[in-house]
Every structure is written in structure tokens, then in C-alpha cells.
N, C-alpha and C. Protein backbone atom coordinates (compact mmCIF):
# COMPACT_ATOMS: atom_id res chain seq x y z
N MET A 1 12.37 -49.36 -77.59
CA MET A 1 13.25 -50.56 -77.87
C MET A 1 13.44 -50.31 -79.19
N ALA A 2 12.46 -49.94 -80.28
CA ALA A 2 12.63 -49.64 -81.87
C ALA A 2 13.97 -48.82 -81.86
N GLU A 3 13.68 -47.71 -81.25
CA GLU A 3 14.74 -46.51 -81.04
C GLU A 3 16.05 -47.00 -81.07
N ARG A 4 16.39 -47.98 -79.92
CA ARG A 4 17.73 -48.12 -79.76
C ARG A 4 18.18 -48.66 -80.68
N THR A 5 17.39 -49.78 -81.37
CA THR A 5 17.83 -50.46 -82.55
C THR A 5 17.96 -49.82 -83.79
N SER A 6 17.63 -49.00 -83.95
CA SER A 6 18.11 -47.68 -85.27
C SER A 6 19.14 -46.78 -84.97
N ALA A 7 19.14 -46.54 -83.47
CA ALA A 7 20.56 -45.79 -82.92
C ALA A 7 21.75 -46.68 -83.39
N ARG A 8 21.70 -47.95 -82.73
CA ARG A 8 22.54 -48.96 -83.18
C ARG A 8 22.86 -48.65 -84.45
N ALA A 9 22.24 -48.92 -85.24
CA ALA A 9 22.23 -49.40 -86.81
C ALA A 9 22.92 -48.07 -87.46
N SER A 10 22.47 -46.77 -86.94
CA SER A 10 23.26 -45.37 -87.42
C SER A 10 24.70 -45.45 -87.23
N SER A 11 24.90 -45.96 -85.74
CA SER A 11 26.47 -45.59 -85.22
C SER A 11 27.36 -47.25 -85.87
N GLY A 12 26.75 -48.05 -86.38
CA GLY A 12 27.48 -49.03 -86.66
C GLY A 12 26.98 -50.48 -85.80
N ARG A 13 27.33 -51.14 -86.35
CA ARG A 13 27.24 -52.71 -85.68
C ARG A 13 28.31 -53.03 -84.79
N LEU A 14 28.37 -53.53 -83.52
CA LEU A 14 29.14 -53.84 -82.57
C LEU A 14 29.96 -55.08 -82.92
N ASP A 15 29.23 -55.85 -83.92
CA ASP A 15 30.07 -56.95 -84.29
C ASP A 15 31.14 -56.74 -85.77
N GLN A 16 31.06 -55.41 -86.28
CA GLN A 16 32.14 -55.19 -87.35
C GLN A 16 32.91 -53.98 -86.76
N PRO A 17 34.12 -54.21 -87.49
CA PRO A 17 35.10 -52.95 -86.89
C PRO A 17 34.51 -51.55 -87.46
N ARG A 18 34.79 -50.36 -86.98
CA ARG A 18 34.66 -49.23 -87.76
C ARG A 18 35.25 -48.76 -88.62
N GLU A 19 35.17 -48.05 -89.25
CA GLU A 19 35.83 -47.50 -90.73
C GLU A 19 36.79 -46.98 -90.25
N THR A 20 38.07 -46.74 -90.86
CA THR A 20 38.94 -46.07 -90.39
C THR A 20 39.09 -44.83 -90.97
N ARG A 21 39.41 -43.92 -90.20
CA ARG A 21 39.20 -42.66 -90.59
C ARG A 21 40.13 -42.11 -91.49
N ARG A 22 40.14 -41.12 -92.06
CA ARG A 22 41.35 -40.45 -93.19
C ARG A 22 42.50 -39.80 -92.29
N ALA A 23 43.47 -40.09 -92.57
CA ALA A 23 44.48 -39.49 -92.16
C ALA A 23 44.68 -37.72 -92.52
N LEU A 24 44.90 -36.99 -91.32
CA LEU A 24 45.20 -35.57 -91.97
C LEU A 24 46.39 -35.32 -92.53
N LEU A 25 47.53 -36.11 -92.62
CA LEU A 25 48.34 -35.85 -93.60
C LEU A 25 48.63 -37.05 -94.70
N PRO A 26 49.12 -36.95 -96.03
CA PRO A 26 48.94 -37.75 -97.05
C PRO A 26 50.27 -38.78 -96.48
N ARG A 27 50.09 -39.99 -96.92
CA ARG A 27 50.76 -40.94 -96.86
C ARG A 27 51.89 -41.08 -97.74
N PRO A 28 53.32 -40.96 -97.17
CA PRO A 28 54.37 -40.82 -97.90
C PRO A 28 54.54 -41.58 -99.06
N THR A 29 54.96 -41.51 -100.26
CA THR A 29 55.16 -42.31 -101.40
C THR A 29 56.24 -42.96 -101.40
N VAL A 30 57.08 -42.66 -100.34
CA VAL A 30 58.50 -43.34 -100.35
C VAL A 30 58.37 -44.29 -99.23
N SER A 31 58.94 -45.19 -99.40
CA SER A 31 59.11 -46.82 -98.60
C SER A 31 60.08 -46.36 -97.34
N GLN A 32 59.72 -46.67 -96.26
CA GLN A 32 60.31 -46.49 -94.86
C GLN A 32 61.83 -47.22 -95.44
N GLU A 33 62.05 -48.22 -96.16
CA GLU A 33 63.32 -49.15 -96.20
C GLU A 33 64.05 -47.99 -97.10
N THR A 34 63.43 -47.40 -98.05
CA THR A 34 64.17 -46.60 -99.10
C THR A 34 64.66 -45.43 -98.44
N PHE A 35 63.75 -44.71 -97.52
CA PHE A 35 64.17 -43.63 -96.68
C PHE A 35 65.01 -43.98 -95.69
N GLY A 36 65.16 -45.05 -95.10
CA GLY A 36 66.49 -45.30 -94.25
C GLY A 36 67.70 -45.66 -95.02
N VAL A 37 67.67 -46.16 -96.24
CA VAL A 37 68.80 -46.17 -96.89
C VAL A 37 69.56 -45.00 -97.19
N TRP A 38 68.39 -44.43 -97.75
CA TRP A 38 69.05 -42.96 -97.98
C TRP A 38 69.43 -42.39 -96.93
N SER A 39 69.12 -42.30 -95.62
CA SER A 39 69.11 -41.72 -94.70
C SER A 39 70.78 -42.11 -94.15
N GLU A 40 71.01 -43.62 -94.51
CA GLU A 40 72.52 -44.04 -94.10
C GLU A 40 73.28 -43.44 -95.11
N GLN A 41 72.84 -43.43 -96.28
CA GLN A 41 74.09 -42.62 -97.30
C GLN A 41 74.12 -41.63 -96.94
N PHE A 42 73.65 -40.49 -96.21
CA PHE A 42 73.31 -39.14 -96.06
C PHE A 42 74.32 -38.95 -94.89
N ALA A 43 74.21 -39.91 -93.84
CA ALA A 43 74.67 -40.17 -92.80
C ALA A 43 76.66 -40.09 -92.91
N ARG A 44 77.01 -41.47 -93.77
CA ARG A 44 77.77 -41.66 -94.03
C ARG A 44 78.98 -40.64 -95.02
N PHE A 45 77.69 -39.90 -95.56
CA PHE A 45 78.46 -38.72 -96.52
C PHE A 45 79.03 -37.86 -95.33
N MET A 46 77.92 -37.25 -94.57
CA MET A 46 77.88 -36.41 -93.66
C MET A 46 79.47 -36.58 -92.50
N GLY A 47 79.86 -37.94 -92.51
CA GLY A 47 80.83 -38.08 -91.21
C GLY A 47 82.20 -38.48 -92.33
N THR A 48 82.57 -37.84 -93.80
CA THR A 48 83.41 -38.12 -94.19
C THR A 48 84.41 -36.71 -94.06
N ALA A 49 85.40 -37.03 -94.47
CA ALA A 49 86.45 -35.74 -94.64
C ALA A 49 86.41 -34.85 -95.66
N ASN A 50 85.82 -35.48 -96.78
CA ASN A 50 85.44 -34.38 -97.84
C ASN A 50 84.27 -33.47 -97.52
N PHE A 51 83.22 -34.02 -96.74
CA PHE A 51 82.06 -33.33 -96.43
C PHE A 51 82.77 -32.21 -95.38
N LEU A 52 83.39 -32.50 -94.41
CA LEU A 52 84.07 -31.30 -93.39
C LEU A 52 84.80 -30.36 -94.30
N ILE A 53 85.55 -30.84 -95.11
CA ILE A 53 86.29 -29.73 -96.07
C ILE A 53 85.75 -28.73 -96.83
N ALA A 54 84.68 -29.61 -97.68
CA ALA A 54 83.62 -29.01 -98.05
C ALA A 54 82.98 -27.78 -97.59
N MET A 55 82.31 -28.12 -96.35
CA MET A 55 81.70 -27.52 -95.38
C MET A 55 82.73 -26.07 -95.14
N THR A 56 83.74 -26.67 -94.46
CA THR A 56 84.85 -25.54 -94.04
C THR A 56 84.76 -24.58 -95.33
N VAL A 57 85.19 -25.01 -96.65
CA VAL A 57 85.61 -23.98 -97.42
C VAL A 57 84.20 -23.27 -98.14
N PHE A 58 82.88 -24.03 -97.71
CA PHE A 58 82.07 -23.12 -98.25
C PHE A 58 81.78 -22.04 -96.89
N VAL A 59 81.70 -22.19 -95.94
CA VAL A 59 81.43 -21.10 -94.60
C VAL A 59 82.64 -20.08 -95.22
N LEU A 60 84.22 -20.76 -94.92
CA LEU A 60 85.23 -19.62 -95.51
C LEU A 60 84.86 -18.51 -96.53
N ALA A 61 84.42 -19.37 -97.78
CA ALA A 61 84.12 -18.75 -99.07
C ALA A 61 83.13 -17.41 -98.34
N TRP A 62 81.64 -18.08 -97.82
CA TRP A 62 80.45 -17.06 -97.21
C TRP A 62 81.38 -16.08 -96.41
N ILE A 63 82.09 -16.21 -95.36
CA ILE A 63 82.45 -15.19 -94.75
C ILE A 63 83.09 -14.34 -95.42
N GLY A 64 84.19 -14.98 -96.10
CA GLY A 64 85.03 -14.24 -96.94
C GLY A 64 84.52 -13.21 -97.87
N TRP A 65 83.32 -13.70 -98.40
CA TRP A 65 82.95 -12.72 -99.70
C TRP A 65 81.88 -11.54 -98.95
N ASN A 66 81.41 -11.96 -97.61
CA ASN A 66 80.35 -10.96 -97.05
C ASN A 66 81.29 -9.72 -96.33
N VAL A 67 82.54 -9.96 -95.90
CA VAL A 67 83.39 -9.47 -95.35
C VAL A 67 84.29 -8.58 -96.32
N LEU A 68 84.89 -9.29 -97.28
CA LEU A 68 85.99 -8.67 -98.11
C LEU A 68 85.56 -8.21 -99.61
N GLY A 69 84.23 -8.52 -100.06
CA GLY A 69 83.97 -8.30 -101.19
C GLY A 69 83.13 -7.23 -101.18
N PRO A 70 82.87 -6.67 -102.44
CA PRO A 70 82.16 -5.47 -102.81
C PRO A 70 81.09 -5.02 -102.00
N LYS A 71 80.78 -3.81 -101.24
CA LYS A 71 79.91 -3.62 -100.43
C LYS A 71 78.44 -3.74 -101.10
N GLU A 72 78.56 -3.46 -102.16
CA GLU A 72 77.07 -3.51 -102.98
C GLU A 72 76.41 -5.00 -103.51
N TYR A 73 77.56 -5.93 -103.34
CA TYR A 73 77.33 -7.45 -103.38
C TYR A 73 77.29 -8.16 -102.07
N ARG A 74 77.59 -7.75 -101.39
CA ARG A 74 77.09 -8.31 -100.20
C ARG A 74 75.61 -8.50 -99.59
N PHE A 75 75.74 -10.11 -99.36
CA PHE A 75 74.20 -10.32 -99.04
C PHE A 75 74.25 -11.09 -97.33
N ASP A 76 75.07 -10.74 -96.73
CA ASP A 76 75.05 -11.17 -95.27
C ASP A 76 75.72 -10.43 -94.63
N PRO A 77 75.62 -9.54 -93.92
CA PRO A 77 76.26 -8.76 -93.12
C PRO A 77 77.13 -9.19 -92.01
N TYR A 78 77.79 -8.83 -91.53
CA TYR A 78 78.74 -8.89 -90.32
C TYR A 78 77.98 -10.32 -89.33
N ALA A 79 76.93 -10.11 -89.07
CA ALA A 79 76.54 -11.01 -87.81
C ALA A 79 76.30 -12.00 -88.65
N PHE A 80 76.06 -12.30 -89.94
CA PHE A 80 75.95 -13.69 -90.65
C PHE A 80 74.89 -14.09 -90.15
N ILE A 81 73.76 -13.70 -90.12
CA ILE A 81 72.34 -13.97 -89.93
C ILE A 81 71.61 -15.17 -90.51
N PHE A 82 72.11 -15.19 -92.22
CA PHE A 82 71.35 -15.79 -93.14
C PHE A 82 72.34 -17.29 -93.09
N LEU A 83 73.97 -17.13 -92.75
CA LEU A 83 74.64 -18.28 -92.89
C LEU A 83 74.25 -19.33 -91.39
N THR A 84 73.94 -18.34 -90.25
CA THR A 84 73.32 -19.08 -89.52
C THR A 84 72.16 -19.86 -89.26
N LEU A 85 71.35 -19.13 -90.10
CA LEU A 85 70.25 -19.76 -90.43
C LEU A 85 70.31 -21.00 -91.10
N MET A 86 71.07 -20.58 -92.14
CA MET A 86 71.10 -22.28 -92.96
C MET A 86 72.02 -23.25 -92.38
N LEU A 87 72.60 -22.93 -91.29
CA LEU A 87 73.63 -24.18 -90.83
C LEU A 87 72.82 -24.36 -89.87
N SER A 88 71.69 -23.57 -89.16
CA SER A 88 70.43 -24.37 -88.26
C SER A 88 70.01 -25.05 -88.87
N LEU A 89 69.31 -24.75 -90.20
CA LEU A 89 68.60 -25.74 -91.17
C LEU A 89 69.00 -26.97 -91.37
N GLN A 90 70.28 -26.88 -91.85
CA GLN A 90 70.94 -28.30 -92.08
C GLN A 90 71.07 -29.16 -91.05
N ALA A 91 71.71 -28.43 -89.68
CA ALA A 91 71.47 -29.50 -88.40
C ALA A 91 70.32 -29.95 -88.08
N SER A 92 69.23 -29.05 -88.38
CA SER A 92 67.89 -29.76 -87.60
C SER A 92 67.22 -30.72 -88.79
N TYR A 93 68.10 -31.02 -89.93
CA TYR A 93 67.56 -31.97 -90.77
C TYR A 93 68.53 -33.00 -90.95
N ALA A 94 69.66 -32.75 -90.61
CA ALA A 94 71.05 -33.93 -90.46
C ALA A 94 70.97 -34.67 -89.15
N ALA A 95 70.74 -33.77 -87.88
CA ALA A 95 70.27 -34.80 -86.66
C ALA A 95 69.31 -35.99 -86.77
N PRO A 96 68.03 -35.41 -87.37
CA PRO A 96 66.95 -36.63 -87.05
C PRO A 96 67.29 -37.95 -88.38
N LEU A 97 68.28 -37.38 -89.00
CA LEU A 97 68.52 -38.49 -90.37
C LEU A 97 69.87 -39.09 -89.67
N ILE A 98 70.62 -38.44 -89.02
CA ILE A 98 71.84 -39.44 -88.64
C ILE A 98 71.17 -40.47 -87.52
N LEU A 99 70.46 -39.90 -86.62
CA LEU A 99 69.47 -40.70 -85.57
C LEU A 99 69.01 -41.93 -85.91
N LEU A 100 68.29 -41.94 -87.60
CA LEU A 100 67.55 -43.09 -87.96
C LEU A 100 68.62 -43.68 -88.72
N ALA A 101 69.79 -43.06 -89.29
CA ALA A 101 70.63 -44.09 -89.53
C ALA A 101 71.44 -45.20 -88.33
N GLN A 102 71.50 -44.40 -87.09
CA GLN A 102 72.00 -44.98 -86.38
C GLN A 102 71.08 -46.22 -85.26
N ASN A 103 69.75 -45.77 -85.44
CA ASN A 103 68.72 -46.66 -85.00
C ASN A 103 68.88 -47.66 -86.07
N ARG A 104 68.88 -47.47 -87.25
CA ARG A 104 69.01 -49.11 -88.24
C ARG A 104 70.25 -49.91 -88.12
N GLN A 105 71.43 -49.05 -87.66
CA GLN A 105 72.42 -49.74 -87.40
C GLN A 105 72.58 -50.54 -86.36
N ALA A 106 71.91 -50.02 -85.15
CA ALA A 106 71.87 -50.48 -83.85
C ALA A 106 70.79 -51.71 -84.20
N ASP A 107 69.76 -51.84 -85.14
CA ASP A 107 68.67 -52.77 -85.22
C ASP A 107 69.96 -54.06 -85.80
N ARG A 108 70.77 -53.72 -86.82
CA ARG A 108 71.50 -54.64 -87.77
C ARG A 108 72.50 -55.48 -86.85
N ASP A 109 72.74 -54.11 -85.85
CA ASP A 109 73.83 -54.80 -84.96
C ASP A 109 73.34 -55.82 -83.67
N ARG A 110 71.85 -55.70 -83.56
CA ARG A 110 70.97 -56.76 -82.33
C ARG A 110 70.75 -57.73 -83.40
N VAL A 111 70.60 -57.92 -84.58
CA VAL A 111 70.51 -59.14 -85.16
C VAL A 111 71.34 -60.03 -85.00
N GLN A 112 72.66 -59.39 -85.98
CA GLN A 112 73.90 -59.87 -85.98
C GLN A 112 74.10 -60.29 -84.61
N TYR A 113 73.90 -59.59 -83.11
CA TYR A 113 74.40 -60.10 -82.06
C TYR A 113 73.67 -61.64 -81.84
N GLU A 114 72.77 -61.38 -82.13
CA GLU A 114 71.73 -62.61 -81.71
C GLU A 114 71.99 -63.84 -82.55
N GLN A 115 72.33 -63.38 -83.83
CA GLN A 115 73.23 -64.78 -84.70
C GLN A 115 74.04 -65.16 -84.59
N ASP A 116 75.11 -64.35 -83.67
CA ASP A 116 76.46 -64.57 -82.96
C ASP A 116 76.15 -65.51 -81.75
N ARG A 117 75.20 -65.06 -81.15
CA ARG A 117 75.01 -65.65 -79.59
C ARG A 117 74.37 -67.22 -79.91
N GLY A 118 73.25 -66.95 -81.48
CA GLY A 118 72.85 -68.35 -81.57
C GLY A 118 73.79 -69.57 -82.08
N ARG A 119 74.87 -69.01 -83.10
CA ARG A 119 76.25 -69.77 -83.63
C ARG A 119 76.68 -70.14 -82.16
N ALA A 120 77.24 -69.40 -81.26
CA ALA A 120 78.25 -69.87 -80.39
C ALA A 120 77.51 -70.98 -79.47
N GLU A 121 76.46 -70.69 -79.51
CA GLU A 121 75.24 -71.79 -78.37
C GLU A 121 75.12 -73.17 -79.33
N ARG A 122 75.18 -73.18 -80.50
CA ARG A 122 75.18 -74.20 -81.04
C ARG A 122 76.69 -74.82 -81.06
N ASN A 123 77.76 -73.82 -81.34
CA ASN A 123 79.00 -74.60 -81.23
C ASN A 123 79.65 -75.28 -79.73
N ILE A 124 78.88 -74.26 -79.09
CA ILE A 124 78.85 -75.01 -77.71
C ILE A 124 78.64 -76.49 -77.28
N ALA A 125 77.04 -76.35 -77.74
CA ALA A 125 76.25 -77.83 -78.01
C ALA A 125 77.04 -78.93 -78.41
N ASP A 126 77.61 -78.36 -79.97
CA ASP A 126 78.67 -79.56 -80.56
C ASP A 126 79.61 -79.75 -79.92
N THR A 127 80.45 -79.06 -79.44
CA THR A 127 81.35 -79.40 -78.40
C THR A 127 81.07 -80.17 -77.55
N ASP A 128 80.03 -79.81 -76.61
CA ASP A 128 79.53 -80.66 -75.58
C ASP A 128 79.54 -82.02 -76.01
N TYR A 129 78.66 -82.05 -77.53
CA TYR A 129 78.15 -83.68 -77.78
C TYR A 129 79.62 -84.20 -78.02
N LEU A 130 80.74 -83.76 -78.97
CA LEU A 130 81.89 -84.09 -78.70
C LEU A 130 82.56 -84.91 -77.91
N THR A 131 82.79 -83.85 -76.64
CA THR A 131 83.45 -84.18 -75.37
C THR A 131 82.46 -85.69 -74.98
N ARG A 132 81.03 -85.62 -74.93
CA ARG A 132 80.88 -86.79 -74.56
C ARG A 132 80.98 -88.23 -75.35
N GLU A 133 81.06 -87.79 -76.66
CA GLU A 133 81.33 -89.01 -77.71
C GLU A 133 82.76 -89.73 -77.41
N LEU A 134 83.46 -88.35 -77.19
CA LEU A 134 84.96 -88.91 -77.14
C LEU A 134 85.19 -89.77 -75.64
N ALA A 135 84.42 -89.06 -74.60
CA ALA A 135 84.71 -90.03 -73.57
C ALA A 135 83.85 -91.57 -73.77
N ALA A 136 82.83 -91.57 -74.31
CA ALA A 136 82.38 -92.76 -74.85
C ALA A 136 83.34 -93.73 -75.37
N LEU A 137 84.01 -93.24 -76.27
CA LEU A 137 84.87 -93.64 -76.83
C LEU A 137 86.23 -94.37 -76.54
N ARG A 138 86.64 -93.60 -75.11
CA ARG A 138 87.74 -93.85 -74.49
C ARG A 138 87.31 -94.79 -73.57
N ILE A 139 86.18 -94.78 -73.23
CA ILE A 139 85.49 -95.78 -72.24
C ILE A 139 85.31 -97.33 -72.96
N ALA A 140 85.02 -97.34 -74.23
CA ALA A 140 84.80 -98.28 -74.95
C ALA A 140 86.21 -99.11 -75.08
N VAL A 141 86.87 -98.15 -75.84
CA VAL A 141 88.39 -98.48 -75.92
C VAL A 141 89.17 -99.04 -74.59
N GLY A 142 88.88 -99.15 -73.64
CA GLY A 142 89.68 -99.34 -72.35
C GLY A 142 88.96 -100.78 -72.19
N ASP A 143 87.48 -101.09 -72.65
CA ASP A 143 87.21 -102.44 -72.34
C ASP A 143 87.63 -103.35 -73.74
N VAL A 144 87.98 -103.03 -74.78
CA VAL A 144 88.64 -103.52 -75.80
C VAL A 144 89.97 -103.86 -75.09
N ALA A 145 90.30 -105.15 -76.32
CA ALA A 145 91.75 -105.41 -76.20
C ALA A 145 92.83 -104.49 -76.72
N THR A 146 93.50 -103.77 -76.36
CA THR A 146 94.81 -103.43 -77.19
C THR A 146 95.96 -104.41 -77.60
N ARG A 147 96.60 -103.55 -78.84
CA ARG A 147 97.57 -104.24 -79.31
C ARG A 147 98.58 -104.73 -78.35
N ASP A 148 99.01 -103.91 -77.26
CA ASP A 148 99.86 -104.01 -76.21
C ASP A 148 99.75 -105.60 -75.40
N PHE A 149 98.15 -105.06 -74.92
CA PHE A 149 97.72 -106.18 -74.28
C PHE A 149 97.75 -107.65 -74.78
N LEU A 150 97.47 -107.71 -76.06
CA LEU A 150 97.65 -108.83 -77.00
C LEU A 150 98.69 -109.60 -77.20
N ARG A 151 99.73 -108.63 -77.22
CA ARG A 151 101.14 -109.28 -77.14
C ARG A 151 101.50 -109.60 -76.13
N SER A 152 101.20 -109.22 -75.05
CA SER A 152 101.87 -109.59 -73.57
C SER A 152 100.96 -111.06 -73.33
N GLU A 153 99.77 -111.15 -73.73
CA GLU A 153 99.08 -112.50 -73.61
C GLU A 153 99.62 -113.49 -74.50
N LEU A 154 99.95 -113.26 -75.98
CA LEU A 154 100.53 -114.15 -76.51
C LEU A 154 101.85 -114.23 -76.48
N ARG A 155 102.75 -113.46 -75.35
CA ARG A 155 104.33 -113.83 -74.97
C ARG A 155 103.92 -114.96 -73.80
N GLN A 156 102.73 -114.34 -73.06
CA GLN A 156 102.65 -115.68 -71.87
C GLN A 156 102.17 -117.00 -72.37
N LEU A 157 101.59 -116.97 -73.15
CA LEU A 157 100.86 -118.37 -74.07
C LEU A 157 102.44 -119.14 -74.46
N LEU A 158 103.31 -118.24 -75.52
CA LEU A 158 104.68 -118.75 -75.99
C LEU A 158 105.19 -119.32 -74.55
N GLU A 159 105.10 -118.59 -73.81
CA GLU A 159 106.37 -119.07 -72.42
C GLU A 159 105.81 -120.28 -71.89
N GLU A 160 104.21 -120.34 -71.79
CA GLU A 160 103.85 -121.42 -71.23
C GLU A 160 103.95 -122.76 -72.27
N LEU A 161 103.79 -122.36 -73.49
CA LEU A 161 104.32 -123.68 -74.33
C LEU A 161 105.51 -124.18 -74.51
N GLN A 162 106.42 -123.26 -74.19
CA GLN A 162 108.03 -123.38 -74.28
C GLN A 162 107.96 -124.38 -73.05
N ASP A 163 107.55 -123.78 -71.76
CA ASP A 163 107.54 -124.24 -70.34
C ASP A 163 107.19 -126.14 -70.60
N ARG A 164 106.40 -126.14 -71.42
CA ARG A 164 105.54 -127.46 -71.48
C ARG A 164 106.31 -128.41 -72.53
N ARG A 165 106.96 -127.88 -73.46
CA ARG A 165 107.96 -128.50 -74.01
C ARG A 165 109.21 -128.90 -73.74
N SER A 166 109.52 -127.90 -72.83
CA SER A 166 111.05 -128.30 -71.72
C SER A 166 110.45 -129.07 -70.86
N ALA A 167 109.21 -129.38 -70.36
CA ALA A 167 108.83 -130.35 -69.37
C ALA A 167 108.91 -131.75 -70.05
N ALA A 168 108.10 -131.94 -71.11
CA ALA A 168 107.81 -132.63 -71.64
C ALA A 168 109.02 -133.75 -72.42
N ALA A 169 110.32 -132.46 -72.55
CA ALA A 169 111.68 -133.14 -73.03
C ALA A 169 112.11 -133.46 -71.54
N GLU A 170 112.17 -133.17 -70.66
CA GLU A 170 112.85 -133.38 -69.68
C GLU A 170 112.04 -134.72 -69.16
N ASP A 171 111.18 -135.07 -69.48
CA ASP A 171 110.25 -136.33 -68.87
C ASP A 171 110.92 -137.25 -69.96
N GLU A 172 110.98 -137.23 -71.13
CA GLU A 172 111.55 -138.33 -72.11
C GLU A 172 112.80 -138.46 -71.85
N VAL A 173 113.58 -137.51 -71.48
CA VAL A 173 115.07 -137.79 -71.48
C VAL A 173 115.22 -138.68 -70.00
N GLY A 174 114.50 -138.64 -69.20
CA GLY A 174 114.35 -139.11 -67.74
C GLY A 174 113.99 -140.54 -68.30
N ARG A 175 112.74 -140.88 -68.80
CA ARG A 175 112.41 -142.36 -69.17
C ARG A 175 113.64 -142.90 -69.83
N VAL A 176 114.21 -142.32 -70.68
CA VAL A 176 115.08 -142.75 -71.77
C VAL A 176 116.30 -143.57 -71.16
N SER A 177 116.99 -142.64 -70.13
CA SER A 177 118.14 -142.90 -69.32
C SER A 177 118.08 -144.33 -68.38
N PRO A 178 116.81 -144.48 -67.70
CA PRO A 178 117.20 -145.77 -66.89
C PRO A 178 116.98 -147.06 -67.78
N ARG A 179 116.20 -147.10 -68.87
CA ARG A 179 116.25 -148.15 -69.56
C ARG A 179 117.70 -148.75 -69.92
N GLU A 180 118.49 -147.83 -70.41
CA GLU A 180 119.86 -148.29 -70.76
C GLU A 180 120.56 -148.88 -70.00
């Protein structure tokens, strides 16, 4: 029993986490955000007409020098192996950087889409609320006396008063004439 306890103690306790192992590669000193911003700037630069024109001029100058230049100063003969190697190296670095920039843009687009969707849902909810409130107001206004309704009621009362006055006047005229 004592042997088991000493074996566990040497391997570490079960109720405590193990120590982390050292990484084989050193940790980068540049943050991921800084590297991502740099890769986006690089991708934007590579997608410009200035870069394409400069790269075309560079390749044409390279080929021109190695075909038309003095033989003793040519550094990359006709197959242009060194130029192919340089362009392949550039492409091998450019492709992952461009993909990283695209992934970051996709993440931003996804966040923007979610915000737009949330804003649209709030707008729909606000519109539904205002529609219900407007319907409730229309129902309430239907129960309230409107100006036209009040005018028609007042006209009817005025006509009734005029009818009563004319009837009362006729009664007085009828009473006064037989006495004479």
C-alpha cells in the first residue's frame, strides 16, 4: 500500500492538474491581431493595380536582362529557374496571408450580418408594436364621438327645439283666436 502511495505522489496528485509541457516552438512575439492586420494590408496591396504593374515590370526586366544583357552579367539563364523559384516562394507566402485576410473579412462579415439581422428583427418588432397600437387607437376612436357625429346630434336637437317652439307658438295662436 505504501508503494502505491509513493508511486502516485511521484506522478502527481489526481486532484491537481499536470504541469504544462514546454512547447517545441517558441511563442510568437507578435499578437494574432497585429499579424492579422498586417496580413490584410498585405492582401490589399497585392490586389492593387500598382502591385501587378510593378511585378510585371520586375519580371520583364528580369527576363530582359537575362536574355539581352551581357553574358558575363547574366545570373539566371534561359529557363529562368531562379525567377521561378522566387515567384513560387512569393506565392507560397502570399497565399496563406491572403487566406488569413479573407477569413478575418468573413468573420467581420458574419458579425455584421448578425448585427443587421438583430436590427431587422428589432425593426420588425417595433413595426408590429406600432401596428397594434394604431389598431387599438382606431378602435378607441371608433367608440369616441367624432366632430361630425356631434354636429349631427346638435342639428337634431336644434330641429327638435325649433319643432317644439313652432308647436308651442301654434298652440298659443290657437288659444288666442277663439277668445276674440
